């Protein structure tokens, strides 16, 4: 029995002794995922990392540091499996965690990794690309590069206009982001135009029979 097998056996014994919602289960599950990855058992590794992530979201929703580490481990498995769309999603999720932590530069790195994969593996008008562009727009807005932020928000809008109905709430969000970028650039006329578009969509949604 090698060291990895011994570690797996030890962690399995610990799992049997702990309540399923105990915080230590997160670390154990994630470490088991690492053991399975080292042994080349990638699907089993992925299952354990995802179980760790699910429990972490449930009982430690504000611990962004550990969540980013779990996402990183999931990303390593996807790299081994060469699953590009899922890897892009994982990079995007890591970026969102770092953005929540106000770690803007690290968030940008992961959003760019996600975008690079999506550009290679998805159609040019895929909605996931709009998400990547929007996230990068937020990064540059946080960095006070509002012109570049505006460019990314407009790229996001161009895609969403092709794949969403005209009153979709995501369009309101991107119009709001564009308006904020224009406002920060001092173009208040354009800012107002876009904020009104966002408001119009929200009002239409509120008056829809489905929300009555």
C-alpha atoms as a PDB file:
ATOM      1  CA  UNK A   1       0.000   0.000   0.000  1.00  0.00           C
ATOM      2  CA  UNK A   2       1.566   3.307  -1.075  1.00  0.00           C
ATOM      3  CA  UNK A   3       1.258   6.652   0.724  1.00  0.00           C
ATOM      4  CA  UNK A   4      -1.693   7.805  -1.401  1.00  0.00           C
ATOM      5  CA  UNK A   5      -3.604   4.613  -0.632  1.00  0.00           C
ATOM      6  CA  UNK A   6      -2.897   5.048   3.074  1.00  0.00           C
ATOM      7  CA  UNK A   7      -4.093   8.645   2.938  1.00  0.00           C
ATOM      8  CA  UNK A   8      -7.267   7.599   1.121  1.00  0.00           C
ATOM      9  CA  UNK A   9      -7.966   4.940   3.737  1.00  0.00           C
ATOM     10  CA  UNK A  10      -7.354   7.430   6.563  1.00  0.00           C
ATOM     11  CA  UNK A  11      -9.654  10.071   5.056  1.00  0.00           C
ATOM     12  CA  UNK A  12     -12.366   7.486   4.427  1.00  0.00           C
ATOM     13  CA  UNK A  13     -12.252   6.458   8.090  1.00  0.00           C
ATOM     14  CA  UNK A  14     -12.538  10.108   9.130  1.00  0.00           C
ATOM     15  CA  UNK A  15     -15.559  10.604   6.891  1.00  0.00           C
ATOM     16  CA  UNK A  16     -17.305   7.680   8.540  1.00  0.00           C
ATOM     17  CA  UNK A  17     -16.788   9.253  11.976  1.00  0.00           C
ATOM     18  CA  UNK A  18     -17.872  12.826  11.182  1.00  0.00           C
ATOM     19  CA  UNK A  19     -21.376  14.226  10.654  1.00  0.00           C
ATOM     20  CA  UNK A  20     -21.978  14.864   6.964  1.00  0.00           C
ATOM     21  CA  UNK A  21     -22.282  18.624   7.545  1.00  0.00           C
ATOM     22  CA  UNK A  22     -19.104  18.986   9.630  1.00  0.00           C
ATOM     23  CA  UNK A  23     -16.742  21.688   8.246  1.00  0.00           C
ATOM     24  CA  UNK A  24     -13.822  19.229   8.217  1.00  0.00           C
ATOM     25  CA  UNK A  25     -15.699  17.160   5.638  1.00  0.00           C
ATOM     26  CA  UNK A  26     -15.023  19.932   3.116  1.00  0.00           C
ATOM     27  CA  UNK A  27     -11.253  19.587   3.511  1.00  0.00           C
ATOM     28  CA  UNK A  28     -11.400  15.792   3.588  1.00  0.00           C
ATOM     29  CA  UNK A  29     -13.526  15.568   0.442  1.00  0.00           C
ATOM     30  CA  UNK A  30     -11.309  18.032  -1.383  1.00  0.00           C
ATOM     31  CA  UNK A  31      -8.135  16.232  -0.295  1.00  0.00           C
ATOM     32  CA  UNK A  32      -9.641  12.935  -1.421  1.00  0.00           C
ATOM     33  CA  UNK A  33     -10.232  14.561  -4.784  1.00  0.00           C
ATOM     34  CA  UNK A  34      -6.540  15.408  -4.922  1.00  0.00           C
ATOM     35  CA  UNK A  35      -5.599  11.821  -4.098  1.00  0.00           C
ATOM     36  CA  UNK A  36      -7.841  10.443  -6.833  1.00  0.00           C
ATOM     37  CA  UNK A  37      -6.390  12.944  -9.301  1.00  0.00           C
ATOM     38  CA  UNK A  38      -2.846  11.847  -8.434  1.00  0.00           C
ATOM     39  CA  UNK A  39      -3.937   8.250  -9.068  1.00  0.00           C
ATOM     40  CA  UNK A  40      -5.443   9.177 -12.428  1.00  0.00           C
ATOM     41  CA  UNK A  41      -9.016   8.534 -11.248  1.00  0.00           C
ATOM     42  CA  UNK A  42     -10.293  11.834 -12.610  1.00  0.00           C
ATOM     43  CA  UNK A  43     -14.043  11.240 -12.477  1.00  0.00           C
ATOM     44  CA  UNK A  44     -13.804  10.141  -8.851  1.00  0.00           C
ATOM     45  CA  UNK A  45     -11.625  13.181  -8.168  1.00  0.00           C
ATOM     46  CA  UNK A  46     -14.180  15.471  -9.774  1.00  0.00           C
ATOM     47  CA  UNK A  47     -17.002  13.967  -7.747  1.00  0.00           C
ATOM     48  CA  UNK A  48     -15.187  14.587  -4.450  1.00  0.00           C
ATOM     49  CA  UNK A  49     -14.157  18.141  -5.334  1.00  0.00           C
ATOM     50  CA  UNK A  50     -17.738  18.968  -6.336  1.00  0.00           C
ATOM     51  CA  UNK A  51     -19.109  17.462  -3.128  1.00  0.00           C
ATOM     52  CA  UNK A  52     -16.628  19.604  -1.186  1.00  0.00           C
ATOM     53  CA  UNK A  53     -17.735  22.672  -3.131  1.00  0.00           C
ATOM     54  CA  UNK A  54     -21.437  21.969  -2.557  1.00  0.00           C
ATOM     55  CA  UNK A  55     -20.959  21.612   1.201  1.00  0.00           C
ATOM     56  CA  UNK A  56     -18.700  24.674   1.319  1.00  0.00           C
ATOM     57  CA  UNK A  57     -21.352  26.821  -0.350  1.00  0.00           C
ATOM     58  CA  UNK A  58     -23.908  25.537   2.145  1.00  0.00           C
ATOM     59  CA  UNK A  59     -22.098  25.981   5.458  1.00  0.00           C
ATOM     60  CA  UNK A  60     -19.245  28.433   4.701  1.00  0.00           C
ATOM     61  CA  UNK A  61     -20.716  30.840   2.130  1.00  0.00           C
ATOM     62  CA  UNK A  62     -18.382  33.722   3.017  1.00  0.00           C
ATOM     63  CA  UNK A  63     -15.067  31.838   3.013  1.00  0.00           C
ATOM     64  CA  UNK A  64     -13.975  32.912  -0.452  1.00  0.00           C
ATOM     65  CA  UNK A  65     -10.361  31.815  -0.007  1.00  0.00           C
ATOM     66  CA  UNK A  66     -11.141  28.120   0.466  1.00  0.00           C
ATOM     67  CA  UNK A  67     -13.780  28.242  -2.264  1.00  0.00           C
ATOM     68  CA  UNK A  68     -11.235  29.607  -4.724  1.00  0.00           C
ATOM     69  CA  UNK A  69      -8.878  26.763  -3.771  1.00  0.00           C
ATOM     70  CA  UNK A  70     -11.591  24.172  -4.425  1.00  0.00           C
ATOM     71  CA  UNK A  71     -12.385  25.744  -7.786  1.00  0.00           C
ATOM     72  CA  UNK A  72      -8.676  25.590  -8.620  1.00  0.00           C
ATOM     73  CA  UNK A  73      -8.607  21.875  -7.847  1.00  0.00           C
ATOM     74  CA  UNK A  74     -11.674  21.313 -10.028  1.00  0.00           C
ATOM     75  CA  UNK A  75      -9.895  23.208 -12.784  1.00  0.00           C
ATOM     76  CA  UNK A  76      -6.881  20.899 -12.539  1.00  0.00           C
ATOM     77  CA  UNK A  77      -9.139  17.886 -13.089  1.00  0.00           C
ATOM     78  CA  UNK A  78     -10.809  19.482 -16.092  1.00  0.00           C
ATOM     79  CA  UNK A  79      -7.351  20.195 -17.529  1.00  0.00           C
ATOM     80  CA  UNK A  80      -6.471  16.517 -17.190  1.00  0.00           C
ATOM     81  CA  UNK A  81      -9.769  15.535 -18.816  1.00  0.00           C
ATOM     82  CA  UNK A  82      -9.346  18.226 -21.493  1.00  0.00           C
ATOM     83  CA  UNK A  83     -12.950  19.364 -21.028  1.00  0.00           C
ATOM     84  CA  UNK A  84     -12.721  22.902 -22.388  1.00  0.00           C
ATOM     85  CA  UNK A  85     -16.215  24.368 -21.736  1.00  0.00           C
ATOM     86  CA  UNK A  86     -16.258  23.097 -18.157  1.00  0.00           C
ATOM     87  CA  UNK A  87     -12.722  24.376 -17.590  1.00  0.00           C
ATOM     88  CA  UNK A  88     -13.794  27.797 -18.869  1.00  0.00           C
ATOM     89  CA  UNK A  89     -16.737  27.776 -16.450  1.00  0.00           C
ATOM     90  CA  UNK A  90     -14.419  26.901 -13.586  1.00  0.00           C
ATOM     91  CA  UNK A  91     -11.982  29.699 -14.436  1.00  0.00           C
ATOM     92  CA  UNK A  92     -14.938  32.082 -14.623  1.00  0.00           C
ATOM     93  CA  UNK A  93     -16.185  30.928 -11.213  1.00  0.00           C
ATOM     94  CA  UNK A  94     -12.725  31.435  -9.706  1.00  0.00           C
ATOM     95  CA  UNK A  95     -12.650  34.916 -11.197  1.00  0.00           C
ATOM     96  CA  UNK A  96     -16.016  35.730  -9.636  1.00  0.00           C
ATOM     97  CA  UNK A  97     -14.765  34.605  -6.230  1.00  0.00           C
ATOM     98  CA  UNK A  98     -11.690  36.834  -6.498  1.00  0.00           C
ATOM     99  CA  UNK A  99     -13.880  39.711  -7.684  1.00  0.00           C
ATOM    100  CA  UNK A 100     -16.022  39.255  -4.563  1.00  0.00           C
ATOM    101  CA  UNK A 101     -12.804  39.472  -2.539  1.00  0.00           C
ATOM    102  CA  UNK A 102     -11.892  42.718  -4.354  1.00  0.00           C
ATOM    103  CA  UNK A 103      -8.770  40.991  -5.704  1.00  0.00           C
ATOM    104  CA  UNK A 104      -9.247  42.642  -9.067  1.00  0.00           C
ATOM    105  CA  UNK A 105      -6.003  41.685 -10.801  1.00  0.00           C
ATOM    106  CA  UNK A 106      -6.325  37.986  -9.989  1.00  0.00           C
ATOM    107  CA  UNK A 107      -9.974  38.070 -11.055  1.00  0.00           C
ATOM    108  CA  UNK A 108      -8.906  39.557 -14.387  1.00  0.00           C
ATOM    109  CA  UNK A 109      -6.385  36.768 -14.972  1.00  0.00           C
ATOM    110  CA  UNK A 110      -9.011  34.062 -14.478  1.00  0.00           C
ATOM    111  CA  UNK A 111     -11.676  35.860 -16.512  1.00  0.00           C
ATOM    112  CA  UNK A 112      -9.196  36.176 -19.382  1.00  0.00           C
ATOM    113  CA  UNK A 113      -8.343  32.460 -19.147  1.00  0.00           C
ATOM    114  CA  UNK A 114     -12.048  31.662 -19.304  1.00  0.00           C
ATOM    115  CA  UNK A 115     -12.600  33.973 -22.265  1.00  0.00           C
ATOM    116  CA  UNK A 116      -9.634  32.532 -24.159  1.00  0.00           C
ATOM    117  CA  UNK A 117     -11.056  29.005 -23.904  1.00  0.00           C
ATOM    118  CA  UNK A 118     -14.580  30.104 -24.766  1.00  0.00           C
ATOM    119  CA  UNK A 119     -13.398  31.969 -27.856  1.00  0.00           C
ATOM    120  CA  UNK A 120     -11.746  28.761 -29.068  1.00  0.00           C
ATOM    121  CA  UNK A 121     -14.540  26.340 -28.183  1.00  0.00           C
ATOM    122  CA  UNK A 122     -17.845  28.224 -28.546  1.00  0.00           C
ATOM    123  CA  UNK A 123     -19.733  30.015 -31.343  1.00  0.00           C
ATOM    124  CA  UNK A 124     -19.036  33.749 -31.520  1.00  0.00           C
ATOM    125  CA  UNK A 125     -22.555  34.614 -30.333  1.00  0.00           C
ATOM    126  CA  UNK A 126     -22.731  32.149 -27.427  1.00  0.00           C
ATOM    127  CA  UNK A 127     -24.219  33.560 -24.258  1.00  0.00           C
ATOM    128  CA  UNK A 128     -21.250  32.414 -22.152  1.00  0.00           C
ATOM    129  CA  UNK A 129     -19.056  34.813 -24.123  1.00  0.00           C
ATOM    130  CA  UNK A 130     -21.382  37.631 -23.098  1.00  0.00           C
ATOM    131  CA  UNK A 131     -20.811  36.620 -19.477  1.00  0.00           C
ATOM    132  CA  UNK A 132     -17.036  36.709 -19.955  1.00  0.00           C
ATOM    133  CA  UNK A 133     -17.162  40.135 -21.588  1.00  0.00           C
ATOM    134  CA  UNK A 134     -19.433  41.476 -18.856  1.00  0.00           C
ATOM    135  CA  UNK A 135     -17.158  40.198 -16.096  1.00  0.00           C
ATOM    136  CA  UNK A 136     -14.095  41.731 -17.721  1.00  0.00           C
ATOM    137  CA  UNK A 137     -16.043  44.965 -18.106  1.00  0.00           C
ATOM    138  CA  UNK A 138     -16.610  44.988 -14.361  1.00  0.00           C
ATOM    139  CA  UNK A 139     -12.921  44.324 -13.734  1.00  0.00           C
ATOM    140  CA  UNK A 140     -11.873  47.314 -15.818  1.00  0.00           C
ATOM    141  CA  UNK A 141     -14.559  49.489 -14.224  1.00  0.00           C
ATOM    142  CA  UNK A 142     -13.151  48.575 -10.806  1.00  0.00           C
ATOM    143  CA  UNK A 143      -9.687  49.446 -12.132  1.00  0.00           C
ATOM    144  CA  UNK A 144     -10.974  52.865 -13.292  1.00  0.00           C
ATOM    145  CA  UNK A 145     -10.295  52.002 -16.935  1.00  0.00           C
ATOM    146  CA  UNK A 146     -13.858  52.905 -17.843  1.00  0.00           C
ATOM    147  CA  UNK A 147     -13.248  53.146 -21.580  1.00  0.00           C
ATOM    148  CA  UNK A 148     -12.071  49.553 -21.726  1.00  0.00           C
ATOM    149  CA  UNK A 149     -14.857  48.522 -19.365  1.00  0.00           C
ATOM    150  CA  UNK A 150     -17.367  50.128 -21.723  1.00  0.00           C
ATOM    151  CA  UNK A 151     -15.922  48.241 -24.690  1.00  0.00           C
ATOM    152  CA  UNK A 152     -16.407  44.900 -22.927  1.00  0.00           C
ATOM    153  CA  UNK A 153     -19.926  45.763 -21.766  1.00  0.00           C
ATOM    154  CA  UNK A 154     -20.872  46.675 -25.329  1.00  0.00           C
ATOM    155  CA  UNK A 155     -19.455  43.366 -26.595  1.00  0.00           C
ATOM    156  CA  UNK A 156     -21.627  41.620 -24.033  1.00  0.00           C
ATOM    157  CA  UNK A 157     -24.674  43.609 -25.157  1.00  0.00           C
ATOM    158  CA  UNK A 158     -24.104  42.790 -28.835  1.00  0.00           C
ATOM    159  CA  UNK A 159     -24.256  39.071 -28.063  1.00  0.00           C
ATOM    160  CA  UNK A 160     -27.205  39.252 -25.678  1.00  0.00           C
ATOM    161  CA  UNK A 161     -29.282  41.204 -28.197  1.00  0.00           C
ATOM    162  CA  UNK A 162     -28.925  38.234 -30.553  1.00  0.00           C
ATOM    163  CA  UNK A 163     -29.849  35.482 -28.117  1.00  0.00           C
ATOM    164  CA  UNK A 164     -32.284  36.981 -25.592  1.00  0.00           C
ATOM    165  CA  UNK A 165     -35.817  38.395 -25.806  1.00  0.00           C
ATOM    166  CA  UNK A 166     -35.906  42.224 -25.676  1.00  0.00           C
ATOM    167  CA  UNK A 167     -37.242  42.399 -22.114  1.00  0.00           C
ATOM    168  CA  UNK A 168     -34.846  39.923 -20.514  1.00  0.00           C
ATOM    169  CA  UNK A 169     -33.468  41.015 -17.140  1.00  0.00           C
ATOM    170  CA  UNK A 170     -29.873  40.329 -18.243  1.00  0.00           C
ATOM    171  CA  UNK A 171     -30.242  43.052 -20.874  1.00  0.00           C
ATOM    172  CA  UNK A 172     -31.295  45.464 -18.143  1.00  0.00           C
ATOM    173  CA  UNK A 173     -28.146  44.566 -16.209  1.00  0.00           C
ATOM    174  CA  UNK A 174     -25.837  45.195 -19.149  1.00  0.00           C
ATOM    175  CA  UNK A 175     -27.576  48.473 -20.056  1.00  0.00           C
ATOM    176  CA  UNK A 176     -27.088  49.495 -16.445  1.00  0.00           C
ATOM    177  CA  UNK A 177     -23.367  48.623 -16.642  1.00  0.00           C
ATOM    178  CA  UNK A 178     -22.988  50.566 -19.884  1.00  0.00           C
ATOM    179  CA  UNK A 179     -24.761  53.536 -18.345  1.00  0.00           C
ATOM    180  CA  UNK A 180     -22.439  53.453 -15.341  1.00  0.00           C
ATOM    181  CA  UNK A 181     -19.369  53.355 -17.602  1.00  0.00           C
ATOM    182  CA  UNK A 182     -20.611  56.330 -19.628  1.00  0.00           C
ATOM    183  CA  UNK A 183     -21.312  58.207 -16.402  1.00  0.00           C
ATOM    184  CA  UNK A 184     -17.786  57.560 -15.125  1.00  0.00           C
ATOM    185  CA  UNK A 185     -16.461  58.825 -18.466  1.00  0.00           C
ATOM    186  CA  UNK A 186     -18.477  62.020 -18.095  1.00  0.00           C
ATOM    187  CA  UNK A 187     -20.858  61.261 -20.976  1.00  0.00           C
ATOM    188  CA  UNK A 188     -24.043  61.777 -19.004  1.00  0.00           C
ATOM    189  CA  UNK A 189     -26.322  61.895 -22.046  1.00  0.00           C
ATOM    190  CA  UNK A 190     -25.300  58.380 -23.125  1.00  0.00           C
ATOM    191  CA  UNK A 191     -25.417  57.251 -19.500  1.00  0.00           C
ATOM    192  CA  UNK A 192     -29.015  58.433 -19.187  1.00  0.00           C
ATOM    193  CA  UNK A 193     -30.054  56.763 -22.452  1.00  0.00           C
ATOM    194  CA  UNK A 194     -28.783  53.388 -21.281  1.00  0.00           C
ATOM    195  CA  UNK A 195     -30.108  53.717 -17.735  1.00  0.00           C
ATOM    196  CA  UNK A 196     -33.547  54.489 -19.193  1.00  0.00           C
ATOM    197  CA  UNK A 197     -33.331  51.345 -21.342  1.00  0.00           C
ATOM    198  CA  UNK A 198     -32.562  49.331 -18.217  1.00  0.00           C
ATOM    199  CA  UNK A 199     -35.444  50.969 -16.358  1.00  0.00           C
ATOM    200  CA  UNK A 200     -37.866  50.323 -19.225  1.00  0.00           C
ATOM    201  CA  UNK A 201     -37.053  46.598 -19.211  1.00  0.00           C
ATOM    202  CA  UNK A 202     -37.497  46.368 -15.445  1.00  0.00           C
ATOM    203  CA  UNK A 203     -40.840  48.197 -15.609  1.00  0.00           C
ATOM    204  CA  UNK A 204     -42.027  45.903 -18.400  1.00  0.00           C
ATOM    205  CA  UNK A 205     -41.087  42.868 -16.331  1.00  0.00           C
ATOM    206  CA  UNK A 206     -42.912  44.215 -13.283  1.00  0.00           C
ATOM    207  CA  UNK A 207     -46.069  44.788 -15.326  1.00  0.00           C
ATOM    208  CA  UNK A 208     -45.922  41.334 -16.890  1.00  0.00           C
ATOM    209  CA  UNK A 209     -48.838  39.048 -15.900  1.00  0.00           C
ATOM    210  CA  UNK A 210     -46.333  36.411 -14.783  1.00  0.00           C
ATOM    211  CA  UNK A 211     -45.143  38.614 -11.909  1.00  0.00           C
ATOM    212  CA  UNK A 212     -48.583  39.805 -10.822  1.00  0.00           C
END
